[in-house]
Amino acid sequence: MTMRRFGAVILAGGLSILLGGAAFAASGTSALPPPDPTAKNLTPYMIQLRAFDACLVTQSQLLGTTREAVHSPCSCYAKGTVNAMTKDEIQAFRETGYFNDSARAKGLGYIDQCKLKRPI
């Protein structure tokens, strides 16, 4: 469960991470965070921006480098992941504010493809 929550932070928690909400990866038995009401009307492009921002923050920390150093790989990850999402996955993101299991799996594929470090 911790792997799942941490993956959710990496893949979709742009706003959550930017607001310091990454702390929910602490316990293996707690639930995922509540739905994010600000995600309700996001376009795919706006979801891509959130994923990109979350990637910059998380990958720079994981790799111990600057955000500028991971700019291109994070752009690759965010564009690839959101472009690969189905309409149902986009709608699930709008309802929750984070990627569902199938979108998360696509995101992990793009983390590998774009040569980023897996958070798990």
PDB file of N, CA and C in Angstrom:
ATOM      1  N   MET A   1       0.823  -1.188   0.000  1.00  0.00           N
ATOM      2  CA  MET A   1       0.000   0.000   0.000  1.00  0.00           C
ATOM      3  C   MET A   1       0.869   1.256   0.000  1.00  0.00           C
ATOM      4  N   THR A   2       1.997   1.237   0.713  1.00  0.00           N
ATOM      5  CA  THR A   2       2.892   2.384   0.722  1.00  0.00           C
ATOM      6  C   THR A   2       3.411   2.632  -0.689  1.00  0.00           C
ATOM      7  N   MET A   3       3.740   1.567  -1.417  1.00  0.00           N
ATOM      8  CA  MET A   3       4.217   1.700  -2.778  1.00  0.00           C
ATOM      9  C   MET A   3       3.164   2.389  -3.627  1.00  0.00           C
ATOM     10  N   ARG A   4       1.934   2.024  -3.452  1.00  0.00           N
ATOM     11  CA  ARG A   4       0.835   2.579  -4.213  1.00  0.00           C
ATOM     12  C   ARG A   4       0.652   4.062  -3.914  1.00  0.00           C
ATOM     13  N   ARG A   5       0.688   4.426  -2.658  1.00  0.00           N
ATOM     14  CA  ARG A   5       0.503   5.823  -2.283  1.00  0.00           C
ATOM     15  C   ARG A   5       1.668   6.668  -2.756  1.00  0.00           C
ATOM     16  N   PHE A   6       2.879   6.166  -2.625  1.00  0.00           N
ATOM     17  CA  PHE A   6       4.043   6.932  -3.054  1.00  0.00           C
ATOM     18  C   PHE A   6       4.021   7.100  -4.562  1.00  0.00           C
ATOM     19  N   GLY A   7       3.611   6.056  -5.270  1.00  0.00           N
ATOM     20  CA  GLY A   7       3.457   6.155  -6.714  1.00  0.00           C
ATOM     21  C   GLY A   7       2.425   7.202  -7.097  1.00  0.00           C
ATOM     22  N   ALA A   8       1.348   7.274  -6.338  1.00  0.00           N
ATOM     23  CA  ALA A   8       0.312   8.283  -6.602  1.00  0.00           C
ATOM     24  C   ALA A   8       0.876   9.677  -6.431  1.00  0.00           C
ATOM     25  N   VAL A   9       1.738   9.856  -5.447  1.00  0.00           N
ATOM     26  CA  VAL A   9       2.361  11.164  -5.235  1.00  0.00           C
ATOM     27  C   VAL A   9       3.211  11.518  -6.442  1.00  0.00           C
ATOM     28  N   ILE A  10       3.998  10.577  -6.908  1.00  0.00           N
ATOM     29  CA  ILE A  10       4.897  10.834  -8.016  1.00  0.00           C
ATOM     30  C   ILE A  10       4.120  11.118  -9.281  1.00  0.00           C
ATOM     31  N   LEU A  11       3.130  10.322  -9.565  1.00  0.00           N
ATOM     32  CA  LEU A  11       2.466  10.400 -10.847  1.00  0.00           C
ATOM     33  C   LEU A  11       1.436  11.489 -10.971  1.00  0.00           C
ATOM     34  N   ALA A  12       0.821  11.890  -9.892  1.00  0.00           N
ATOM     35  CA  ALA A  12      -0.260  12.842 -10.063  1.00  0.00           C
ATOM     36  C   ALA A  12      -0.330  13.914  -9.034  1.00  0.00           C
ATOM     37  N   GLY A  13       0.482  13.862  -8.052  1.00  0.00           N
ATOM     38  CA  GLY A  13       0.319  14.776  -6.934  1.00  0.00           C
ATOM     39  C   GLY A  13       0.922  16.142  -7.138  1.00  0.00           C
ATOM     40  N   GLY A  14       0.942  16.669  -8.330  1.00  0.00           N
ATOM     41  CA  GLY A  14       1.544  17.969  -8.577  1.00  0.00           C
ATOM     42  C   GLY A  14       1.139  19.005  -7.553  1.00  0.00           C
ATOM     43  N   LEU A  15      -0.131  19.226  -7.449  1.00  0.00           N
ATOM     44  CA  LEU A  15      -0.577  20.228  -6.482  1.00  0.00           C
ATOM     45  C   LEU A  15      -0.321  19.763  -5.061  1.00  0.00           C
ATOM     46  N   SER A  16      -0.572  18.491  -4.807  1.00  0.00           N
ATOM     47  CA  SER A  16      -0.343  17.966  -3.462  1.00  0.00           C
ATOM     48  C   SER A  16       1.102  18.126  -3.039  1.00  0.00           C
ATOM     49  N   ILE A  17       2.007  17.797  -3.938  1.00  0.00           N
ATOM     50  CA  ILE A  17       3.422  17.910  -3.615  1.00  0.00           C
ATOM     51  C   ILE A  17       3.803  19.378  -3.455  1.00  0.00           C
ATOM     52  N   LEU A  18       3.305  20.184  -4.360  1.00  0.00           N
ATOM     53  CA  LEU A  18       3.658  21.598  -4.289  1.00  0.00           C
ATOM     54  C   LEU A  18       3.150  22.234  -3.009  1.00  0.00           C
ATOM     55  N   LEU A  19       2.096  21.685  -2.462  1.00  0.00           N
ATOM     56  CA  LEU A  19       1.557  22.207  -1.211  1.00  0.00           C
ATOM     57  C   LEU A  19       2.083  21.446  -0.005  1.00  0.00           C
ATOM     58  N   GLY A  20       3.013  20.558  -0.224  1.00  0.00           N
ATOM     59  CA  GLY A  20       3.629  19.824   0.880  1.00  0.00           C
ATOM     60  C   GLY A  20       2.836  18.609   1.315  1.00  0.00           C
ATOM     61  N   GLY A  21       2.005  18.072   0.430  1.00  0.00           N
ATOM     62  CA  GLY A  21       1.158  16.956   0.809  1.00  0.00           C
ATOM     63  C   GLY A  21       1.781  15.596   0.607  1.00  0.00           C
ATOM     64  N   ALA A  22       3.064  15.511   0.429  1.00  0.00           N
ATOM     65  CA  ALA A  22       3.703  14.228   0.188  1.00  0.00           C
ATOM     66  C   ALA A  22       3.836  13.396   1.456  1.00  0.00           C
ATOM     67  N   ALA A  23       3.456  13.921   2.571  1.00  0.00           N
ATOM     68  CA  ALA A  23       3.647  13.228   3.837  1.00  0.00           C
ATOM     69  C   ALA A  23       2.737  12.029   4.029  1.00  0.00           C
ATOM     70  N   PHE A  24       1.788  11.822   3.145  1.00  0.00           N
ATOM     71  CA  PHE A  24       0.867  10.707   3.357  1.00  0.00           C
ATOM     72  C   PHE A  24       1.468   9.354   3.020  1.00  0.00           C
ATOM     73  N   ALA A  25       2.737   9.269   2.713  1.00  0.00           N
ATOM     74  CA  ALA A  25       3.380   7.996   2.427  1.00  0.00           C
ATOM     75  C   ALA A  25       3.945   7.350   3.696  1.00  0.00           C
ATOM     76  N   ALA A  26       3.540   7.804   4.840  1.00  0.00           N
ATOM     77  CA  ALA A  26       4.145   7.367   6.083  1.00  0.00           C
ATOM     78  C   ALA A  26       3.667   6.014   6.580  1.00  0.00           C
ATOM     79  N   SER A  27       2.413   5.678   6.396  1.00  0.00           N
ATOM     80  CA  SER A  27       1.885   4.467   6.997  1.00  0.00           C
ATOM     81  C   SER A  27       1.319   3.532   5.945  1.00  0.00           C
ATOM     82  N   GLY A  28       1.548   2.243   6.108  1.00  0.00           N
ATOM     83  CA  GLY A  28       1.049   1.259   5.169  1.00  0.00           C
ATOM     84  C   GLY A  28      -0.422   0.942   5.334  1.00  0.00           C
ATOM     85  N   THR A  29      -1.071   1.408   6.369  1.00  0.00           N
ATOM     86  CA  THR A  29      -2.468   1.049   6.589  1.00  0.00           C
ATOM     87  C   THR A  29      -3.427   2.217   6.417  1.00  0.00           C
ATOM     88  N   SER A  30      -2.928   3.423   6.246  1.00  0.00           N
ATOM     89  CA  SER A  30      -3.833   4.555   6.083  1.00  0.00           C
ATOM     90  C   SER A  30      -4.333   4.634   4.651  1.00  0.00           C
ATOM     91  N   ALA A  31      -5.462   5.280   4.463  1.00  0.00           N
ATOM     92  CA  ALA A  31      -6.085   5.396   3.152  1.00  0.00           C
ATOM     93  C   ALA A  31      -5.386   6.467   2.320  1.00  0.00           C
ATOM     94  N   LEU A  32      -5.657   6.437   1.028  1.00  0.00           N
ATOM     95  CA  LEU A  32      -5.166   7.487   0.156  1.00  0.00           C
ATOM     96  C   LEU A  32      -5.812   8.804   0.562  1.00  0.00           C
ATOM     97  N   PRO A  33      -5.217   9.916   0.160  1.00  0.00           N
ATOM     98  CA  PRO A  33      -5.779  11.208   0.541  1.00  0.00           C
ATOM     99  C   PRO A  33      -7.179  11.393  -0.043  1.00  0.00           C
ATOM    100  N   PRO A  34      -7.945  12.294   0.531  1.00  0.00           N
ATOM    101  CA  PRO A  34      -9.289  12.532   0.006  1.00  0.00           C
ATOM    102  C   PRO A  34      -9.210  13.119  -1.403  1.00  0.00           C
ATOM    103  N   PRO A  35     -10.305  13.029  -2.161  1.00  0.00           N
ATOM    104  CA  PRO A  35     -10.305  13.595  -3.512  1.00  0.00           C
ATOM    105  C   PRO A  35      -9.948  15.079  -3.495  1.00  0.00           C
ATOM    106  N   ASP A  36      -9.303  15.518  -4.539  1.00  0.00           N
ATOM    107  CA  ASP A  36      -8.892  16.907  -4.687  1.00  0.00           C
ATOM    108  C   ASP A  36      -9.953  17.658  -5.496  1.00  0.00           C
ATOM    109  N   PRO A  37     -10.732  18.522  -4.862  1.00  0.00           N
ATOM    110  CA  PRO A  37     -11.796  19.217  -5.582  1.00  0.00           C
ATOM    111  C   PRO A  37     -11.282  20.143  -6.682  1.00  0.00           C
ATOM    112  N   THR A  38     -10.023  20.546  -6.619  1.00  0.00           N
ATOM    113  CA  THR A  38      -9.490  21.430  -7.658  1.00  0.00           C
ATOM    114  C   THR A  38      -9.224  20.688  -8.964  1.00  0.00           C
ATOM    115  N   ALA A  39      -9.246  19.369  -8.953  1.00  0.00           N
ATOM    116  CA  ALA A  39      -8.981  18.583 -10.157  1.00  0.00           C
ATOM    117  C   ALA A  39     -10.224  18.400 -11.020  1.00  0.00           C
ATOM    118  N   LYS A  40     -11.346  18.759 -10.509  1.00  0.00           N
ATOM    119  CA  LYS A  40     -12.640  18.481 -11.124  1.00  0.00           C
ATOM    120  C   LYS A  40     -12.769  18.906 -12.591  1.00  0.00           C
ATOM    121  N   ASN A  41     -12.260  20.063 -12.943  1.00  0.00           N
ATOM    122  CA  ASN A  41     -12.445  20.596 -14.294  1.00  0.00           C
ATOM    123  C   ASN A  41     -11.148  20.713 -15.088  1.00  0.00           C
ATOM    124  N   LEU A  42     -10.147  19.952 -14.705  1.00  0.00           N
ATOM    125  CA  LEU A  42      -8.862  20.054 -15.394  1.00  0.00           C
ATOM    126  C   LEU A  42      -8.906  19.457 -16.795  1.00  0.00           C
ATOM    127  N   THR A  43      -8.269  20.145 -17.723  1.00  0.00           N
ATOM    128  CA  THR A  43      -8.100  19.609 -19.067  1.00  0.00           C
ATOM    129  C   THR A  43      -6.921  18.636 -19.049  1.00  0.00           C
ATOM    130  N   PRO A  44      -6.799  17.791 -20.071  1.00  0.00           N
ATOM    131  CA  PRO A  44      -5.620  16.917 -20.119  1.00  0.00           C
ATOM    132  C   PRO A  44      -4.311  17.702 -20.052  1.00  0.00           C
ATOM    133  N   TYR A  45      -4.264  18.863 -20.685  1.00  0.00           N
ATOM    134  CA  TYR A  45      -3.046  19.674 -20.628  1.00  0.00           C
ATOM    135  C   TYR A  45      -2.749  20.114 -19.196  1.00  0.00           C
ATOM    136  N   MET A  46      -3.768  20.490 -18.459  1.00  0.00           N
ATOM    137  CA  MET A  46      -3.572  20.915 -17.074  1.00  0.00           C
ATOM    138  C   MET A  46      -3.135  19.737 -16.201  1.00  0.00           C
ATOM    139  N   ILE A  47      -3.649  18.556 -16.488  1.00  0.00           N
ATOM    140  CA  ILE A  47      -3.214  17.353 -15.772  1.00  0.00           C
ATOM    141  C   ILE A  47      -1.741  17.090 -16.083  1.00  0.00           C
ATOM    142  N   GLN A  48      -1.374  17.287 -17.340  1.00  0.00           N
ATOM    143  CA  GLN A  48       0.022  17.122 -17.747  1.00  0.00           C
ATOM    144  C   GLN A  48       0.920  18.095 -16.987  1.00  0.00           C
ATOM    145  N   LEU A  49       0.490  19.328 -16.817  1.00  0.00           N
ATOM    146  CA  LEU A  49       1.280  20.307 -16.065  1.00  0.00           C
ATOM    147  C   LEU A  49       1.446  19.896 -14.611  1.00  0.00           C
ATOM    148  N   ARG A  50       0.382  19.360 -14.015  1.00  0.00           N
ATOM    149  CA  ARG A  50       0.493  18.881 -12.632  1.00  0.00           C
ATOM    150  C   ARG A  50       1.492  17.743 -12.526  1.00  0.00           C
ATOM    151  N   ALA A  51       1.392  16.797 -13.471  1.00  0.00           N
ATOM    152  CA  ALA A  51       2.316  15.657 -13.459  1.00  0.00           C
ATOM    153  C   ALA A  51       3.754  16.143 -13.653  1.00  0.00           C
ATOM    154  N   PHE A  52       3.943  17.108 -14.532  1.00  0.00           N
ATOM    155  CA  PHE A  52       5.270  17.668 -14.787  1.00  0.00           C
ATOM    156  C   PHE A  52       5.829  18.334 -13.529  1.00  0.00           C
ATOM    157  N   ASP A  53       5.020  19.162 -12.881  1.00  0.00           N
ATOM    158  CA  ASP A  53       5.463  19.833 -11.654  1.00  0.00           C
ATOM    159  C   ASP A  53       5.806  18.831 -10.559  1.00  0.00           C
ATOM    160  N   ALA A  54       4.956  17.824 -10.397  1.00  0.00           N
ATOM    161  CA  ALA A  54       5.220  16.799  -9.384  1.00  0.00           C
ATOM    162  C   ALA A  54       6.500  16.047  -9.692  1.00  0.00           C
ATOM    163  N   CYS A  55       6.710  15.761 -10.958  1.00  0.00           N
ATOM    164  CA  CYS A  55       7.924  15.061 -11.379  1.00  0.00           C
ATOM    165  C   CYS A  55       9.167  15.898 -11.068  1.00  0.00           C
ATOM    166  N   LEU A  56       9.129  17.183 -11.390  1.00  0.00           N
ATOM    167  CA  LEU A  56      10.282  18.044 -11.121  1.00  0.00           C
ATOM    168  C   LEU A  56      10.668  18.013  -9.648  1.00  0.00           C
ATOM    169  N   VAL A  57       9.663  18.146  -8.784  1.00  0.00           N
ATOM    170  CA  VAL A  57       9.921  18.178  -7.346  1.00  0.00           C
ATOM    171  C   VAL A  57      10.466  16.830  -6.873  1.00  0.00           C
ATOM    172  N   THR A  58       9.758  15.772  -7.218  1.00  0.00           N
ATOM    173  CA  THR A  58      10.101  14.449  -6.714  1.00  0.00           C
ATOM    174  C   THR A  58      11.419  13.933  -7.278  1.00  0.00           C
ATOM    175  N   GLN A  59      11.600  14.048  -8.590  1.00  0.00           N
ATOM    176  CA  GLN A  59      12.814  13.508  -9.199  1.00  0.00           C
ATOM    177  C   GLN A  59      14.049  14.293  -8.783  1.00  0.00           C
ATOM    178  N   SER A  60      13.931  15.601  -8.625  1.00  0.00           N
ATOM    179  CA  SER A  60      15.102  16.362  -8.171  1.00  0.00           C
ATOM    180  C   SER A  60      15.512  15.915  -6.770  1.00  0.00           C
ATOM    181  N   GLN A  61      14.521  15.579  -5.936  1.00  0.00           N
ATOM    182  CA  GLN A  61      14.831  15.073  -4.592  1.00  0.00           C
ATOM    183  C   GLN A  61      15.413  13.661  -4.659  1.00  0.00           C
ATOM    184  N   LEU A  62      14.785  12.783  -5.435  1.00  0.00           N
ATOM    185  CA  LEU A  62      15.260  11.400  -5.537  1.00  0.00           C
ATOM    186  C   LEU A  62      16.672  11.320  -6.109  1.00  0.00           C
ATOM    187  N   LEU A  63      16.961  12.157  -7.081  1.00  0.00           N
ATOM    188  CA  LEU A  63      18.252  12.113  -7.751  1.00  0.00           C
ATOM    189  C   LEU A  63      19.275  13.066  -7.143  1.00  0.00           C
ATOM    190  N   GLY A  64      18.839  13.867  -6.177  1.00  0.00           N
ATOM    191  CA  GLY A  64      19.751  14.803  -5.532  1.00  0.00           C
ATOM    192  C   GLY A  64      20.319  15.825  -6.501  1.00  0.00           C
ATOM    193  N   THR A  65      19.452  16.345  -7.351  1.00  0.00           N
ATOM    194  CA  THR A  65      19.896  17.293  -8.367  1.00  0.00           C
ATOM    195  C   THR A  65      18.920  18.465  -8.445  1.00  0.00           C
ATOM    196  N   THR A  66      19.122  19.319  -9.411  1.00  0.00           N
ATOM    197  CA  THR A  66      18.245  20.474  -9.571  1.00  0.00           C
ATOM    198  C   THR A  66      17.025  20.117 -10.414  1.00  0.00           C
ATOM    199  N   ARG A  67      16.013  20.943 -10.320  1.00  0.00           N
ATOM    200  CA  ARG A  67      14.825  20.750 -11.150  1.00  0.00           C
ATOM    201  C   ARG A  67      15.163  20.946 -12.621  1.00  0.00           C
ATOM    202  N   GLU A  68      16.075  21.850 -12.891  1.00  0.00           N
ATOM    203  CA  GLU A  68      16.483  22.089 -14.273  1.00  0.00           C
ATOM    204  C   GLU A  68      17.105  20.840 -14.889  1.00  0.00           C
ATOM    205  N   ALA A  69      17.824  20.079 -14.090  1.00  0.00           N
ATOM    206  CA  ALA A  69      18.499  18.877 -14.589  1.00  0.00           C
ATOM    207  C   ALA A  69      17.517  17.784 -14.993  1.00  0.00           C
ATOM    208  N   VAL A  70      16.308  17.790 -14.427  1.00  0.00           N
ATOM    209  CA  VAL A  70      15.316  16.759 -14.761  1.00  0.00           C
ATOM    210  C   VAL A  70      14.175  17.324 -15.600  1.00  0.00           C
ATOM    211  N   HIS A  71      14.339  18.540 -16.111  1.00  0.00           N
ATOM    212  CA  HIS A  71      13.281  19.190 -16.889  1.00  0.00           C
ATOM    213  C   HIS A  71      12.872  18.359 -18.105  1.00  0.00           C
ATOM    214  N   SER A  72      13.825  17.986 -18.948  1.00  0.00           N
ATOM    215  CA  SER A  72      13.501  17.233 -20.164  1.00  0.00           C
ATOM    216  C   SER A  72      12.932  15.850 -19.865  1.00  0.00           C
ATOM    217  N   PRO A  73      13.548  15.065 -18.965  1.00  0.00           N
ATOM    218  CA  PRO A  73      12.965  13.760 -18.657  1.00  0.00           C
ATOM    219  C   PRO A  73      11.556  13.875 -18.049  1.00  0.00           C
ATOM    220  N   CYS A  74      11.327  14.886 -17.218  1.00  0.00           N
ATOM    221  CA  CYS A  74       9.991  15.059 -16.620  1.00  0.00           C
ATOM    222  C   CYS A  74       8.972  15.482 -17.665  1.00  0.00           C
ATOM    223  N   SER A  75       9.402  16.277 -18.634  1.00  0.00           N
ATOM    224  CA  SER A  75       8.519  16.650 -19.726  1.00  0.00           C
ATOM    225  C   SER A  75       8.136  15.412 -20.533  1.00  0.00           C
ATOM    226  N   CYS A  76       9.111  14.563 -20.805  1.00  0.00           N
ATOM    227  CA  CYS A  76       8.876  13.283 -21.495  1.00  0.00           C
ATOM    228  C   CYS A  76       7.858  12.449 -20.740  1.00  0.00           C
ATOM    229  N   TYR A  77       8.059  12.328 -19.435  1.00  0.00           N
ATOM    230  CA  TYR A  77       7.175  11.533 -18.574  1.00  0.00           C
ATOM    231  C   TYR A  77       5.743  12.094 -18.570  1.00  0.00           C
ATOM    232  N   ALA A  78       5.600  13.372 -18.335  1.00  0.00           N
ATOM    233  CA  ALA A  78       4.270  13.967 -18.203  1.00  0.00           C
ATOM    234  C   ALA A  78       3.500  13.899 -19.514  1.00  0.00           C
ATOM    235  N   LYS A  79       4.144  14.264 -20.611  1.00  0.00           N
ATOM    236  CA  LYS A  79       3.476  14.228 -21.913  1.00  0.00           C
ATOM    237  C   LYS A  79       3.106  12.804 -22.292  1.00  0.00           C
ATOM    238  N   GLY A  80       4.048  11.889 -22.140  1.00  0.00           N
ATOM    239  CA  GLY A  80       3.784  10.499 -22.511  1.00  0.00           C
ATOM    240  C   GLY A  80       2.666   9.885 -21.706  1.00  0.00           C
ATOM    241  N   THR A  81       2.702  10.097 -20.393  1.00  0.00           N
ATOM    242  CA  THR A  81       1.697   9.495 -19.517  1.00  0.00           C
ATOM    243  C   THR A  81       0.300  10.027 -19.824  1.00  0.00           C
ATOM    244  N   VAL A  82       0.146  11.336 -19.860  1.00  0.00           N
ATOM    245  CA  VAL A  82      -1.179  11.914 -20.071  1.00  0.00           C
ATOM    246  C   VAL A  82      -1.686  11.608 -21.483  1.00  0.00           C
ATOM    247  N   ASN A  83      -0.815  11.634 -22.483  1.00  0.00           N
ATOM    248  CA  ASN A  83      -1.247  11.297 -23.841  1.00  0.00           C
ATOM    249  C   ASN A  83      -1.681   9.844 -23.966  1.00  0.00           C
ATOM    250  N   ALA A  84      -1.147   8.976 -23.122  1.00  0.00           N
ATOM    251  CA  ALA A  84      -1.500   7.551 -23.157  1.00  0.00           C
ATOM    252  C   ALA A  84      -2.775   7.241 -22.367  1.00  0.00           C
ATOM    253  N   MET A  85      -3.241   8.199 -21.570  1.00  0.00           N
ATOM    254  CA  MET A  85      -4.416   7.953 -20.730  1.00  0.00           C
ATOM    255  C   MET A  85      -5.703   7.897 -21.551  1.00  0.00           C
ATOM    256  N   THR A  86      -6.600   7.010 -21.141  1.00  0.00           N
ATOM    257  CA  THR A  86      -7.911   6.911 -21.777  1.00  0.00           C
ATOM    258  C   THR A  86      -8.831   7.985 -21.200  1.00  0.00           C
ATOM    259  N   LYS A  87      -9.980   8.149 -21.825  1.00  0.00           N
ATOM    260  CA  LYS A  87     -10.969   9.104 -21.312  1.00  0.00           C
ATOM    261  C   LYS A  87     -11.396   8.726 -19.899  1.00  0.00           C
ATOM    262  N   ASP A  88     -11.524   7.435 -19.634  1.00  0.00           N
ATOM    263  CA  ASP A  88     -11.905   6.978 -18.292  1.00  0.00           C
ATOM    264  C   ASP A  88     -10.831   7.312 -17.266  1.00  0.00           C
ATOM    265  N   GLU A  89      -9.567   7.176 -17.645  1.00  0.00           N
ATOM    266  CA  GLU A  89      -8.466   7.503 -16.734  1.00  0.00           C
ATOM    267  C   GLU A  89      -8.405   9.013 -16.465  1.00  0.00           C
ATOM    268  N   ILE A  90      -8.672   9.808 -17.497  1.00  0.00           N
ATOM    269  CA  ILE A  90      -8.723  11.264 -17.315  1.00  0.00           C
ATOM    270  C   ILE A  90      -9.848  11.611 -16.351  1.00  0.00           C
ATOM    271  N   GLN A  91     -11.003  10.996 -16.545  1.00  0.00           N
ATOM    272  CA  GLN A  91     -12.148  11.273 -15.663  1.00  0.00           C
ATOM    273  C   GLN A  91     -11.852  10.818 -14.234  1.00  0.00           C
ATOM    274  N   ALA A  92     -11.206   9.683 -14.077  1.00  0.00           N
ATOM    275  CA  ALA A  92     -10.847   9.211 -12.732  1.00  0.00           C
ATOM    276  C   ALA A  92      -9.903  10.203 -12.064  1.00  0.00           C
ATOM    277  N   PHE A  93      -8.978  10.767 -12.838  1.00  0.00           N
ATOM    278  CA  PHE A  93      -8.080  11.780 -12.267  1.00  0.00           C
ATOM    279  C   PHE A  93      -8.881  12.997 -11.809  1.00  0.00           C
ATOM    280  N   ARG A  94      -9.819  13.414 -12.626  1.00  0.00           N
ATOM    281  CA  ARG A  94     -10.638  14.579 -12.261  1.00  0.00           C
ATOM    282  C   ARG A  94     -11.430  14.330 -10.981  1.00  0.00           C
ATOM    283  N   GLU A  95     -11.828  13.101 -10.771  1.00  0.00           N
ATOM    284  CA  GLU A  95     -12.618  12.769  -9.584  1.00  0.00           C
ATOM    285  C   GLU A  95     -11.775  12.664  -8.320  1.00  0.00           C
ATOM    286  N   THR A  96     -10.509  12.325  -8.465  1.00  0.00           N
ATOM    287  CA  THR A  96      -9.680  12.073  -7.285  1.00  0.00           C
ATOM    288  C   THR A  96      -8.507  13.028  -7.122  1.00  0.00           C
ATOM    289  N   GLY A  97      -7.946  13.483  -8.234  1.00  0.00           N
ATOM    290  CA  GLY A  97      -6.756  14.311  -8.165  1.00  0.00           C
ATOM    291  C   GLY A  97      -5.466  13.508  -8.269  1.00  0.00           C
ATOM    292  N   TYR A  98      -5.558  12.224  -8.513  1.00  0.00           N
ATOM    293  CA  TYR A  98      -4.374  11.393  -8.720  1.00  0.00           C
ATOM    294  C   TYR A  98      -4.692  10.281  -9.692  1.00  0.00           C
ATOM    295  N   PHE A  99      -3.644   9.647 -10.232  1.00  0.00           N
ATOM    296  CA  PHE A  99      -3.823   8.608 -11.237  1.00  0.00           C
ATOM    297  C   PHE A  99      -4.393   7.339 -10.612  1.00  0.00           C
ATOM    298  N   ASN A 100      -5.312   6.693 -11.355  1.00  0.00           N
ATOM    299  CA  ASN A 100      -5.813   5.396 -10.896  1.00  0.00           C
ATOM    300  C   ASN A 100      -4.778   4.322 -11.243  1.00  0.00           C
ATOM    301  N   ASP A 101      -5.085   3.081 -10.917  1.00  0.00           N
ATOM    302  CA  ASP A 101      -4.103   2.000 -11.091  1.00  0.00           C
ATOM    303  C   ASP A 101      -3.620   1.848 -12.530  1.00  0.00           C
ATOM    304  N   SER A 102      -4.529   1.902 -13.503  1.00  0.00           N
ATOM    305  CA  SER A 102      -4.109   1.702 -14.890  1.00  0.00           C
ATOM    306  C   SER A 102      -3.269   2.883 -15.393  1.00  0.00           C
ATOM    307  N   ALA A 103      -3.641   4.097 -15.031  1.00  0.00           N
ATOM    308  CA  ALA A 103      -2.840   5.268 -15.424  1.00  0.00           C
ATOM    309  C   ALA A 103      -1.491   5.257 -14.706  1.00  0.00           C
ATOM    310  N   ARG A 104      -1.477   4.800 -13.462  1.00  0.00           N
ATOM    311  CA  ARG A 104      -0.231   4.717 -12.703  1.00  0.00           C
ATOM    312  C   ARG A 104       0.739   3.734 -13.366  1.00  0.00           C
ATOM    313  N   ALA A 105       0.203   2.635 -13.868  1.00  0.00           N
ATOM    314  CA  ALA A 105       1.051   1.660 -14.557  1.00  0.00           C
ATOM    315  C   ALA A 105       1.665   2.282 -15.813  1.00  0.00           C
ATOM    316  N   LYS A 106       0.876   3.059 -16.537  1.00  0.00           N
ATOM    317  CA  LYS A 106       1.401   3.753 -17.720  1.00  0.00           C
ATOM    318  C   LYS A 106       2.480   4.748 -17.291  1.00  0.00           C
ATOM    319  N   GLY A 107       2.231   5.446 -16.210  1.00  0.00           N
ATOM    320  CA  GLY A 107       3.202   6.415 -15.699  1.00  0.00           C
ATOM    321  C   GLY A 107       4.520   5.765 -15.337  1.00  0.00           C
ATOM    322  N   LEU A 108       4.453   4.610 -14.702  1.00  0.00           N
ATOM    323  CA  LEU A 108       5.692   3.900 -14.344  1.00  0.00           C
ATOM    324  C   LEU A 108       6.462   3.498 -15.597  1.00  0.00           C
ATOM    325  N   GLY A 109       5.722   3.127 -16.634  1.00  0.00           N
ATOM    326  CA  GLY A 109       6.379   2.803 -17.906  1.00  0.00           C
ATOM    327  C   GLY A 109       7.116   4.006 -18.469  1.00  0.00           C
ATOM    328  N   TYR A 110       6.488   5.165 -18.365  1.00  0.00           N
ATOM    329  CA  TYR A 110       7.146   6.380 -18.868  1.00  0.00           C
ATOM    330  C   TYR A 110       8.279   6.838 -17.955  1.00  0.00           C
ATOM    331  N   ILE A 111       8.206   6.552 -16.677  1.00  0.00           N
ATOM    332  CA  ILE A 111       9.340   6.851 -15.801  1.00  0.00           C
ATOM    333  C   ILE A 111      10.563   6.072 -16.291  1.00  0.00           C
ATOM    334  N   ASP A 112      10.345   4.810 -16.627  1.00  0.00           N
ATOM    335  CA  ASP A 112      11.444   3.986 -17.138  1.00  0.00           C
ATOM    336  C   ASP A 112      11.911   4.477 -18.510  1.00  0.00           C
ATOM    337  N   GLN A 113      10.958   4.698 -19.397  1.00  0.00           N
ATOM    338  CA  GLN A 113      11.278   5.098 -20.765  1.00  0.00           C
ATOM    339  C   GLN A 113      12.015   6.439 -20.809  1.00  0.00           C
ATOM    340  N   CYS A 114      11.663   7.341 -19.913  1.00  0.00           N
ATOM    341  CA  CYS A 114      12.259   8.686 -19.892  1.00  0.00           C
ATOM    342  C   CYS A 114      13.487   8.759 -18.999  1.00  0.00           C
ATOM    343  N   LYS A 115      13.925   7.600 -18.522  1.00  0.00           N
ATOM    344  CA  LYS A 115      15.157   7.467 -17.739  1.00  0.00           C
ATOM    345  C   LYS A 115      15.131   8.262 -16.424  1.00  0.00           C
ATOM    346  N   LEU A 116      14.007   8.124 -15.732  1.00  0.00           N
ATOM    347  CA  LEU A 116      13.860   8.717 -14.407  1.00  0.00           C
ATOM    348  C   LEU A 116      13.962   7.611 -13.367  1.00  0.00           C
ATOM    349  N   LYS A 117      14.052   7.975 -12.119  1.00  0.00           N
ATOM    350  CA  LYS A 117      14.167   7.003 -11.037  1.00  0.00           C
ATOM    351  C   LYS A 117      12.776   6.656 -10.513  1.00  0.00           C
ATOM    352  N   ARG A 118      12.494   5.370 -10.434  1.00  0.00           N
ATOM    353  CA  ARG A 118      11.222   4.939  -9.854  1.00  0.00           C
ATOM    354  C   ARG A 118      11.186   5.270  -8.376  1.00  0.00           C
ATOM    355  N   PRO A 119      10.041   5.768  -7.918  1.00  0.00           N
ATOM    356  CA  PRO A 119       9.938   6.130  -6.503  1.00  0.00           C
ATOM    357  C   PRO A 119       9.751   4.925  -5.601  1.00  0.00           C
ATOM    358  N   ILE A 120       9.624   3.750  -6.177  1.00  0.00           N
ATOM    359  CA  ILE A 120       9.327   2.542  -5.408  1.00  0.00           C
ATOM    360  C   ILE A 120      10.469   1.549  -5.470  1.00  0.00           C
TER     361      ILE A 120
END
